[in-house]
Amino acid sequence: MKIIVRHPFGILVQCAALAFMPAAGSHAQSPAIGVQDVLLSVGINNKELKMNDQQSLILKSQYAAANALPDPQVSYTRQYGNREGLGINGELVASQSFDFPSLYAGRSRLARSKSQSLDLWQASLRRQILLNAKDICLDLIMLRKERELLAGRLTNALELEKLYARRLETGDANRLEANKISLELLNVETLSRRNALAIEAGERELEALNGGIPPAFVADSYEPLPDGGDTASFEDLYAEVSGADPELRALRNEQTAAGQALSVSRAGWLPSMELGYQLNTAARGERFSGFLVGLKFPVFSNRRKVQQARTETVYTRLRYDNAVLRTRSELLQHYRTTLSLRESMNRYEQLFDDQGNLPLLNKALASGNITMIEYFVEISTYYDSLQSYIRLENDYQKSVSRLFQHRLP
């Protein structure tokens, strides 16, 4: 919504009356490319996600290769005697070694659990990158709202400057008043340039997150809040987060993997076996053949592996417990912050509705109760209040975003 007020001297005051807009943006027009579209694009094009995905494929291949059978062995030995009549002796040996069968099943389950953990950590990284991208989108919306507000302030300052230039010529104003308006004009122009640079920097940062592809994000209003918004109870929200948060799911899966690794380590005391075929040839056509059977006992190679696996299970459990406490604490902090910001926004909106600053100022100016400089100061205060509201609304949107970060696409 826009408010346009004309005072008796013909000054046009145009500002983005954001204080009268709900935080959910129900009155805002839907942008052609919204935040969700940008997040989906970042999820596809982000270079770090692609790099991490390739690294996950490498590790998954390593997990699978660790459970493969050893390579078969074939050897042939040919011996020559140095005495007459000994002739030539030869020996051919072909063998295959393998671990106890139950070890392969245990290592296969462990590899699957580790692969699932990689997928969940990839989802956690994706959430962090998308949350960063969403923060940038929300900041760009805020900056564009400020740009509109600054445009109104700039228009007002330019009209005042023209008016007082004419008054100086007729002697109805003094140089001090004109200098005050020129200073305000310079301040607004400086703020406008900084705003333009900040918007450009945000767009470049969003482009980098999108793999170097400009996402063409031009929205200047917030999208509706997620289902539940800031009305959901904390316990219901925490129950949803604890079941959907990819980091917690990854840590729970790592506990399962640690238990499976402990089982594999305990089974590591079972002997490995070797089966093969052996053929011996001797002088004068004599041949001997038979089967080769061997056992290898892991007396030294499996030492301390069980204790190491036990320590790993304790570590993963403590790591998960710590993550649960941290997640609940951070969620509660964001929840309380969201409620506090919503309350502050309500107070701003109520104050703007009750006071109606612009009509009162126009009436006071027309009746001669305030001077033009007093009017100008009050208008500046009103603009500053609107800008404070814009910043407050942005903080609120970010806080809600963090409450529902587990719902990011």
Protein backbone atom coordinates (compact mmCIF):
# COMPACT_ATOMS: atom_id res chain seq x y z
CA MET A 1 0.00 0.00 0.00
CA LYS A 2 1.18 3.52 -0.67
CA ILE A 3 0.21 6.72 1.13
CA ILE A 4 0.24 9.99 -0.81
CA VAL A 5 -0.26 13.17 1.16
CA ARG A 6 -0.32 16.71 -0.25
CA HIS A 7 0.19 19.66 2.07
CA PRO A 8 -0.79 23.25 1.32
CA PHE A 9 2.60 24.10 -0.19
CA GLY A 10 2.32 21.33 -2.80
CA ILE A 11 5.00 19.05 -1.31
CA LEU A 12 4.48 15.42 -2.32
CA VAL A 13 5.23 12.94 0.46
CA GLN A 14 5.24 9.40 -0.87
CA CYS A 15 6.40 6.47 1.21
CA ALA A 16 6.02 2.74 1.38
CA ALA A 17 3.61 2.38 4.29
CA LEU A 18 4.95 -1.00 5.31
CA ALA A 19 3.82 -0.66 8.87
CA PHE A 20 0.26 -1.31 7.75
CA MET A 21 1.15 -4.58 6.01
CA PRO A 22 0.94 -7.96 7.79
CA ALA A 23 4.25 -9.77 8.17
CA ALA A 24 2.97 -12.69 6.10
CA GLY A 25 2.72 -10.44 3.07
CA SER A 26 -0.93 -11.27 2.34
CA HIS A 27 -1.49 -7.94 0.58
CA ALA A 28 1.69 -8.15 -1.52
CA GLN A 29 1.67 -9.17 -5.12
CA SER A 30 3.27 -12.53 -5.85
CA PRO A 31 6.69 -12.18 -7.46
CA ALA A 32 7.40 -13.92 -10.74
CA ILE A 33 10.38 -15.75 -9.19
CA GLY A 34 9.91 -16.37 -5.50
CA VAL A 35 12.16 -17.48 -2.69
CA GLN A 36 11.22 -21.15 -3.10
CA ASP A 37 12.14 -21.02 -6.79
CA VAL A 38 15.54 -19.59 -5.90
CA LEU A 39 16.13 -22.29 -3.27
CA LEU A 40 15.26 -25.07 -5.71
CA SER A 41 17.68 -23.57 -8.23
CA VAL A 42 20.45 -23.28 -5.64
CA GLY A 43 19.88 -26.89 -4.60
CA ILE A 44 20.53 -27.96 -8.20
CA ASN A 45 23.34 -25.61 -9.21
CA ASN A 46 25.38 -25.06 -6.04
CA LYS A 47 29.02 -26.08 -6.62
CA GLU A 48 29.71 -27.07 -3.01
CA LEU A 49 26.74 -29.46 -3.01
CA LYS A 50 27.92 -31.00 -6.27
CA MET A 51 31.45 -31.38 -4.92
CA ASN A 52 30.23 -32.97 -1.70
CA ASP A 53 27.99 -35.33 -3.67
CA GLN A 54 30.97 -36.57 -5.68
CA GLN A 55 32.98 -37.03 -2.50
CA SER A 56 30.11 -39.10 -1.08
CA LEU A 57 30.18 -41.33 -4.16
CA ILE A 58 33.92 -41.89 -3.66
CA LEU A 59 33.45 -42.85 0.00
CA LYS A 60 30.53 -45.16 -0.83
CA SER A 61 32.75 -46.94 -3.37
CA GLN A 62 35.43 -47.32 -0.71
CA TYR A 63 32.91 -48.81 1.73
CA ALA A 64 31.79 -51.33 -0.88
CA ALA A 65 35.37 -52.19 -1.88
CA ALA A 66 36.31 -52.89 1.75
CA ASN A 67 33.93 -55.86 1.73
CA ALA A 68 35.22 -57.45 -1.49
CA LEU A 69 36.93 -60.82 -1.64
CA PRO A 70 40.74 -60.82 -1.74
CA ASP A 71 42.28 -61.41 -5.15
CA PRO A 72 42.89 -65.06 -6.11
CA GLN A 73 46.51 -66.17 -6.21
CA VAL A 74 48.20 -68.36 -8.82
CA SER A 75 51.89 -69.29 -8.62
CA TYR A 76 54.13 -71.65 -10.52
CA THR A 77 57.54 -72.81 -9.41
CA ARG A 78 60.06 -74.56 -11.71
CA GLN A 79 63.14 -76.17 -10.13
CA TYR A 80 66.30 -77.50 -11.82
CA GLY A 81 68.57 -80.08 -10.22
CA ASN A 82 72.35 -79.95 -10.42
CA ARG A 83 72.82 -83.70 -10.35
CA GLU A 84 72.41 -86.02 -13.26
CA GLY A 85 69.07 -87.72 -13.30
CA LEU A 86 67.22 -85.28 -11.04
CA GLY A 87 65.50 -83.65 -13.98
CA ILE A 88 63.09 -80.74 -13.62
CA ASN A 89 60.48 -80.35 -10.89
CA GLY A 90 57.52 -77.93 -11.09
CA GLU A 91 54.77 -76.78 -8.76
CA LEU A 92 51.50 -74.97 -9.64
CA VAL A 93 49.39 -73.51 -6.83
CA ALA A 94 46.02 -71.71 -7.30
CA SER A 95 44.26 -70.49 -4.15
CA GLN A 96 41.52 -68.18 -2.91
CA SER A 97 41.31 -66.81 0.63
CA PHE A 98 38.16 -65.41 2.27
CA ASP A 99 36.89 -64.38 5.67
CA PHE A 100 34.27 -66.15 7.70
CA PRO A 101 30.92 -65.73 5.81
CA SER A 102 29.17 -63.90 8.66
CA LEU A 103 31.78 -61.13 8.45
CA TYR A 104 30.71 -60.25 4.91
CA ALA A 105 27.09 -59.89 5.98
CA GLY A 106 28.09 -57.67 8.92
CA ARG A 107 30.37 -55.48 6.80
CA SER A 108 27.65 -55.16 4.15
CA ARG A 109 25.18 -53.82 6.75
CA LEU A 110 27.85 -51.48 8.07
CA ALA A 111 28.58 -50.15 4.56
CA ARG A 112 24.88 -49.46 4.00
CA SER A 113 24.62 -47.57 7.30
CA LYS A 114 27.69 -45.48 6.49
CA SER A 115 26.29 -44.70 3.05
CA GLN A 116 23.00 -43.59 4.60
CA SER A 117 24.93 -41.33 6.98
CA LEU A 118 26.67 -39.72 4.01
CA ASP A 119 23.30 -39.01 2.40
CA LEU A 120 21.99 -37.47 5.61
CA TRP A 121 25.08 -35.28 6.06
CA GLN A 122 24.64 -34.19 2.45
CA ALA A 123 21.06 -33.21 3.35
CA SER A 124 22.36 -31.29 6.37
CA LEU A 125 24.86 -29.39 4.19
CA ARG A 126 22.10 -28.68 1.69
CA ARG A 127 19.95 -27.24 4.47
CA GLN A 128 22.75 -24.92 5.61
CA ILE A 129 23.38 -23.66 2.08
CA LEU A 130 19.68 -23.16 1.37
CA LEU A 131 19.21 -21.36 4.69
CA ASN A 132 22.05 -19.03 3.74
CA ALA A 133 20.47 -18.47 0.33
CA LYS A 134 17.11 -17.74 1.94
CA ASP A 135 18.70 -15.21 4.31
CA ILE A 136 20.15 -13.42 1.29
CA CYS A 137 16.73 -13.42 -0.41
CA LEU A 138 15.10 -11.99 2.70
CA ASP A 139 17.80 -9.33 2.94
CA LEU A 140 17.26 -8.40 -0.70
CA ILE A 141 13.53 -7.99 -0.05
CA MET A 142 14.33 -5.78 2.93
CA LEU A 143 16.77 -3.68 0.90
CA ARG A 144 14.23 -3.24 -1.87
CA LYS A 145 11.66 -2.09 0.66
CA GLU A 146 14.22 0.39 1.97
CA ARG A 147 14.91 1.51 -1.60
CA GLU A 148 11.24 2.34 -2.05
CA LEU A 149 11.20 4.18 1.25
CA LEU A 150 14.34 6.13 0.35
CA ALA A 151 12.81 7.04 -2.99
CA GLY A 152 9.93 8.66 -1.12
CA ARG A 153 12.31 10.49 1.17
CA LEU A 154 14.36 11.67 -1.77
CA THR A 155 11.26 12.98 -3.55
CA ASN A 156 10.23 14.83 -0.41
CA ALA A 157 13.70 16.34 0.06
CA LEU A 158 13.86 17.48 -3.58
CA GLU A 159 10.47 19.18 -3.33
CA LEU A 160 11.49 20.90 -0.11
CA GLU A 161 14.71 22.08 -1.70
CA LYS A 162 12.83 23.61 -4.63
CA LEU A 163 10.31 25.26 -2.32
CA TYR A 164 12.93 26.84 -0.09
CA ALA A 165 14.97 27.96 -3.08
CA ARG A 166 11.95 30.01 -4.16
CA ARG A 167 11.38 31.25 -0.60
CA LEU A 168 14.97 32.38 -0.34
CA GLU A 169 14.46 34.49 -3.44
CA THR A 170 11.37 36.13 -1.94
CA GLY A 171 12.89 36.47 1.53
CA ASP A 172 10.35 34.15 3.24
CA ALA A 173 13.06 31.69 4.41
CA ASN A 174 16.54 31.89 5.81
CA ARG A 175 19.78 30.21 4.78
CA LEU A 176 19.81 27.96 7.88
CA GLU A 177 16.55 26.31 6.84
CA ALA A 178 17.77 25.85 3.29
CA ASN A 179 21.06 24.33 4.48
CA LYS A 180 19.17 21.88 6.69
CA ILE A 181 17.18 20.67 3.70
CA SER A 182 20.33 20.41 1.53
CA LEU A 183 21.99 18.31 4.21
CA GLU A 184 18.97 16.01 4.39
CA LEU A 185 19.06 15.67 0.61
CA LEU A 186 22.74 14.72 0.73
CA ASN A 187 22.10 12.16 3.49
CA VAL A 188 19.25 10.52 1.58
CA GLU A 189 21.30 10.38 -1.63
CA THR A 190 24.16 8.74 0.28
CA LEU A 191 21.80 6.19 1.85
CA SER A 192 20.33 5.46 -1.58
CA ARG A 193 23.77 4.76 -3.06
CA ARG A 194 24.64 2.48 -0.16
CA ASN A 195 21.34 0.70 -0.61
CA ALA A 196 22.04 0.15 -4.31
CA LEU A 197 25.50 -1.25 -3.53
CA ALA A 198 24.07 -3.57 -0.87
CA ILE A 199 21.46 -4.88 -3.31
CA GLU A 200 24.12 -5.50 -5.94
CA ALA A 201 26.34 -7.32 -3.40
CA GLY A 202 23.42 -9.51 -2.31
CA GLU A 203 22.58 -10.39 -5.89
CA ARG A 204 26.21 -11.34 -6.61
CA GLU A 205 26.35 -13.49 -3.47
CA LEU A 206 23.13 -15.23 -4.47
CA GLU A 207 24.56 -15.78 -7.95
CA ALA A 208 27.65 -17.45 -6.42
CA LEU A 209 25.47 -19.79 -4.35
CA ASN A 210 23.54 -20.62 -7.52
CA GLY A 211 26.66 -21.91 -9.24
CA GLY A 212 27.45 -18.65 -11.03
CA ILE A 213 24.00 -18.48 -12.65
CA PRO A 214 22.00 -15.29 -11.91
CA PRO A 215 18.69 -16.49 -10.40
CA ALA A 216 16.75 -13.37 -11.52
CA PHE A 217 15.25 -12.90 -8.09
CA VAL A 218 13.32 -9.61 -8.20
CA ALA A 219 10.80 -10.02 -5.36
CA ASP A 220 10.21 -7.02 -3.13
CA SER A 221 7.70 -8.57 -0.73
CA TYR A 222 7.74 -11.53 1.65
CA GLU A 223 5.99 -14.77 0.87
CA PRO A 224 3.38 -16.29 3.22
CA LEU A 225 4.75 -17.89 6.35
CA PRO A 226 4.98 -21.70 6.61
CA ASP A 227 1.95 -23.58 7.91
CA GLY A 228 1.82 -22.90 11.62
CA GLY A 229 3.88 -19.71 11.36
CA ASP A 230 4.55 -18.33 14.81
CA THR A 231 1.35 -19.87 16.24
CA ALA A 232 2.65 -23.41 16.70
CA SER A 233 3.44 -24.53 20.24
CA PHE A 234 7.08 -25.10 21.06
CA GLU A 235 6.66 -28.77 21.96
CA ASP A 236 4.81 -29.54 18.72
CA LEU A 237 7.49 -27.72 16.77
CA TYR A 238 10.31 -29.52 18.59
CA ALA A 239 8.68 -32.90 17.96
CA GLU A 240 8.57 -32.07 14.25
CA VAL A 241 12.18 -30.85 14.20
CA SER A 242 13.60 -33.81 16.14
CA GLY A 243 12.09 -36.23 13.64
CA ALA A 244 12.98 -34.33 10.47
CA ASP A 245 16.28 -32.57 11.22
CA PRO A 246 18.90 -34.15 8.90
CA GLU A 247 21.76 -33.62 11.37
CA LEU A 248 19.96 -35.45 14.18
CA ARG A 249 18.97 -38.22 11.77
CA ALA A 250 22.58 -38.53 10.60
CA LEU A 251 23.83 -38.79 14.19
CA ARG A 252 21.19 -41.40 15.04
CA ASN A 253 22.29 -43.37 11.99
CA GLU A 254 25.92 -43.09 13.07
CA GLN A 255 24.97 -44.68 16.40
CA THR A 256 23.52 -47.61 14.48
CA ALA A 257 26.67 -47.83 12.35
CA ALA A 258 28.86 -47.77 15.46
CA GLY A 259 26.93 -50.70 16.91
CA GLN A 260 27.33 -52.63 13.68
CA ALA A 261 31.06 -51.83 13.61
CA LEU A 262 31.33 -53.26 17.13
CA SER A 263 29.66 -56.48 15.98
CA VAL A 264 32.03 -56.70 13.01
CA SER A 265 35.03 -56.18 15.30
CA ARG A 266 33.89 -58.94 17.63
CA ALA A 267 33.42 -61.27 14.68
CA GLY A 268 36.92 -60.36 13.53
CA TRP A 269 38.35 -63.02 15.85
CA LEU A 270 36.93 -65.71 13.57
CA PRO A 271 39.60 -67.28 11.36
CA SER A 272 39.84 -66.59 7.64
CA MET A 273 40.14 -69.52 5.27
CA GLU A 274 42.07 -70.40 2.15
CA LEU A 275 41.14 -73.01 -0.43
CA GLY A 276 43.16 -73.98 -3.46
CA TYR A 277 44.56 -76.55 -5.84
CA GLN A 278 48.17 -77.70 -6.03
CA LEU A 279 49.91 -79.61 -8.83
CA ASN A 280 53.46 -80.97 -8.62
CA THR A 281 55.40 -82.39 -11.55
CA ALA A 282 58.66 -84.28 -11.27
CA ALA A 283 61.21 -85.82 -13.56
CA ARG A 284 60.30 -88.89 -15.56
CA GLY A 285 56.65 -87.76 -15.83
CA GLU A 286 55.63 -88.17 -12.21
CA ARG A 287 52.74 -85.89 -11.19
CA PHE A 288 51.12 -85.17 -7.85
CA SER A 289 47.98 -83.03 -7.33
CA GLY A 290 45.67 -82.19 -4.46
CA PHE A 291 43.68 -79.58 -2.60
CA LEU A 292 45.07 -76.78 -0.48
CA VAL A 293 43.25 -75.86 2.75
CA GLY A 294 44.45 -73.22 5.20
CA LEU A 295 43.28 -71.20 8.21
CA LYS A 296 44.55 -67.83 9.33
CA PHE A 297 43.93 -66.79 12.92
CA PRO A 298 43.81 -63.03 13.64
CA VAL A 299 45.85 -63.23 16.80
CA PHE A 300 47.59 -59.90 16.30
CA SER A 301 45.68 -58.00 13.57
CA ASN A 302 42.43 -57.74 15.56
CA ARG A 303 44.02 -56.57 18.80
CA ARG A 304 42.40 -53.45 20.30
CA LYS A 305 39.85 -53.23 17.48
CA VAL A 306 36.99 -54.27 19.76
CA GLN A 307 37.97 -51.70 22.38
CA GLN A 308 38.22 -49.05 19.68
CA ALA A 309 34.73 -49.95 18.43
CA ARG A 310 33.33 -49.74 21.98
CA THR A 311 34.82 -46.29 22.37
CA GLU A 312 33.28 -45.28 19.05
CA THR A 313 29.81 -46.32 20.23
CA VAL A 314 30.18 -44.23 23.40
CA TYR A 315 31.42 -41.26 21.37
CA THR A 316 28.54 -41.40 18.87
CA ARG A 317 25.98 -41.64 21.69
CA LEU A 318 27.44 -38.63 23.51
CA ARG A 319 27.65 -36.71 20.24
CA TYR A 320 23.99 -37.37 19.54
CA ASP A 321 22.92 -36.43 23.08
CA ASN A 322 24.85 -33.18 22.81
CA ALA A 323 23.26 -32.40 19.44
CA VAL A 324 19.78 -33.00 20.89
CA LEU A 325 20.42 -30.57 23.75
CA ARG A 326 21.92 -27.98 21.38
CA THR A 327 19.05 -28.30 18.91
CA ARG A 328 16.41 -27.88 21.60
CA SER A 329 18.23 -24.90 23.11
CA GLU A 330 18.67 -23.15 19.74
CA LEU A 331 15.09 -23.88 18.73
CA LEU A 332 13.77 -22.46 22.01
CA GLN A 333 15.89 -19.35 21.53
CA HIS A 334 14.57 -18.81 17.99
CA TYR A 335 11.03 -19.51 19.19
CA ARG A 336 11.19 -16.89 21.93
CA THR A 337 12.91 -14.42 19.60
CA THR A 338 10.15 -14.89 17.03
CA LEU A 339 7.42 -14.21 19.57
CA SER A 340 9.25 -11.13 20.85
CA LEU A 341 9.72 -9.75 17.33
CA ARG A 342 6.09 -10.39 16.50
CA GLU A 343 5.03 -8.47 19.62
CA SER A 344 7.31 -5.55 18.71
CA MET A 345 5.87 -5.48 15.18
CA ASN A 346 2.34 -5.40 16.59
CA ARG A 347 3.25 -2.43 18.75
CA TYR A 348 4.70 -0.58 15.76
CA GLU A 349 1.61 -1.27 13.68
CA GLN A 350 -0.73 -0.19 16.46
CA LEU A 351 1.27 2.99 17.00
CA PHE A 352 1.17 3.89 13.31
CA ASP A 353 -2.58 3.22 13.17
CA ASP A 354 -3.35 5.27 16.28
CA GLN A 355 -1.19 8.27 15.61
CA GLY A 356 -1.72 8.86 11.89
CA ASN A 357 1.41 11.04 11.77
CA LEU A 358 1.12 12.43 8.28
CA PRO A 359 -2.45 13.82 8.50
CA LEU A 360 -1.71 15.38 11.89
CA LEU A 361 1.46 17.00 10.60
CA ASN A 362 -0.31 18.39 7.55
CA LYS A 363 -3.06 19.86 9.69
CA ALA A 364 -0.55 21.43 12.09
CA LEU A 365 1.43 22.91 9.19
CA ALA A 366 -1.67 24.33 7.50
CA SER A 367 -2.83 25.98 10.76
CA GLY A 368 0.62 27.46 11.41
CA ASN A 369 1.14 25.52 14.65
CA ILE A 370 4.54 24.23 13.48
CA THR A 371 7.20 25.66 11.20
CA MET A 372 8.40 23.99 8.04
CA ILE A 373 11.59 22.88 9.80
CA GLU A 374 9.56 21.31 12.61
CA TYR A 375 7.43 19.59 9.99
CA PHE A 376 10.56 18.38 8.23
CA VAL A 377 12.02 16.97 11.44
CA GLU A 378 8.79 15.11 12.24
CA ILE A 379 8.66 13.66 8.73
CA SER A 380 12.25 12.44 9.11
CA THR A 381 11.32 10.80 12.42
CA TYR A 382 8.40 9.09 10.73
CA TYR A 383 10.59 7.79 7.91
CA ASP A 384 13.14 6.53 10.45
CA SER A 385 10.36 4.68 12.28
CA LEU A 386 9.25 3.03 9.04
CA GLN A 387 12.83 1.98 8.30
CA SER A 388 13.13 0.52 11.80
CA TYR A 389 9.99 -1.45 11.11
CA ILE A 390 11.44 -2.76 7.85
CA ARG A 391 14.52 -4.02 9.72
CA LEU A 392 12.35 -5.53 12.44
CA GLU A 393 10.21 -7.31 9.86
CA ASN A 394 13.34 -8.74 8.25
CA ASP A 395 14.60 -10.06 11.60
CA TYR A 396 11.20 -11.63 12.17
CA GLN A 397 11.18 -13.35 8.78
CA LYS A 398 14.68 -14.74 9.39
CA SER A 399 13.74 -15.99 12.83
CA VAL A 400 10.69 -17.82 11.44
CA SER A 401 12.91 -19.22 8.68
CA ARG A 402 15.19 -20.76 11.27
CA LEU A 403 12.27 -22.27 13.15
CA PHE A 404 11.21 -24.09 9.98
CA GLN A 405 14.58 -24.70 8.36
CA HIS A 406 13.88 -28.44 8.39
CA ARG A 407 11.14 -27.75 5.80
CA LEU A 408 13.48 -26.22 3.26
CA PRO A 409 13.16 -27.90 -0.18
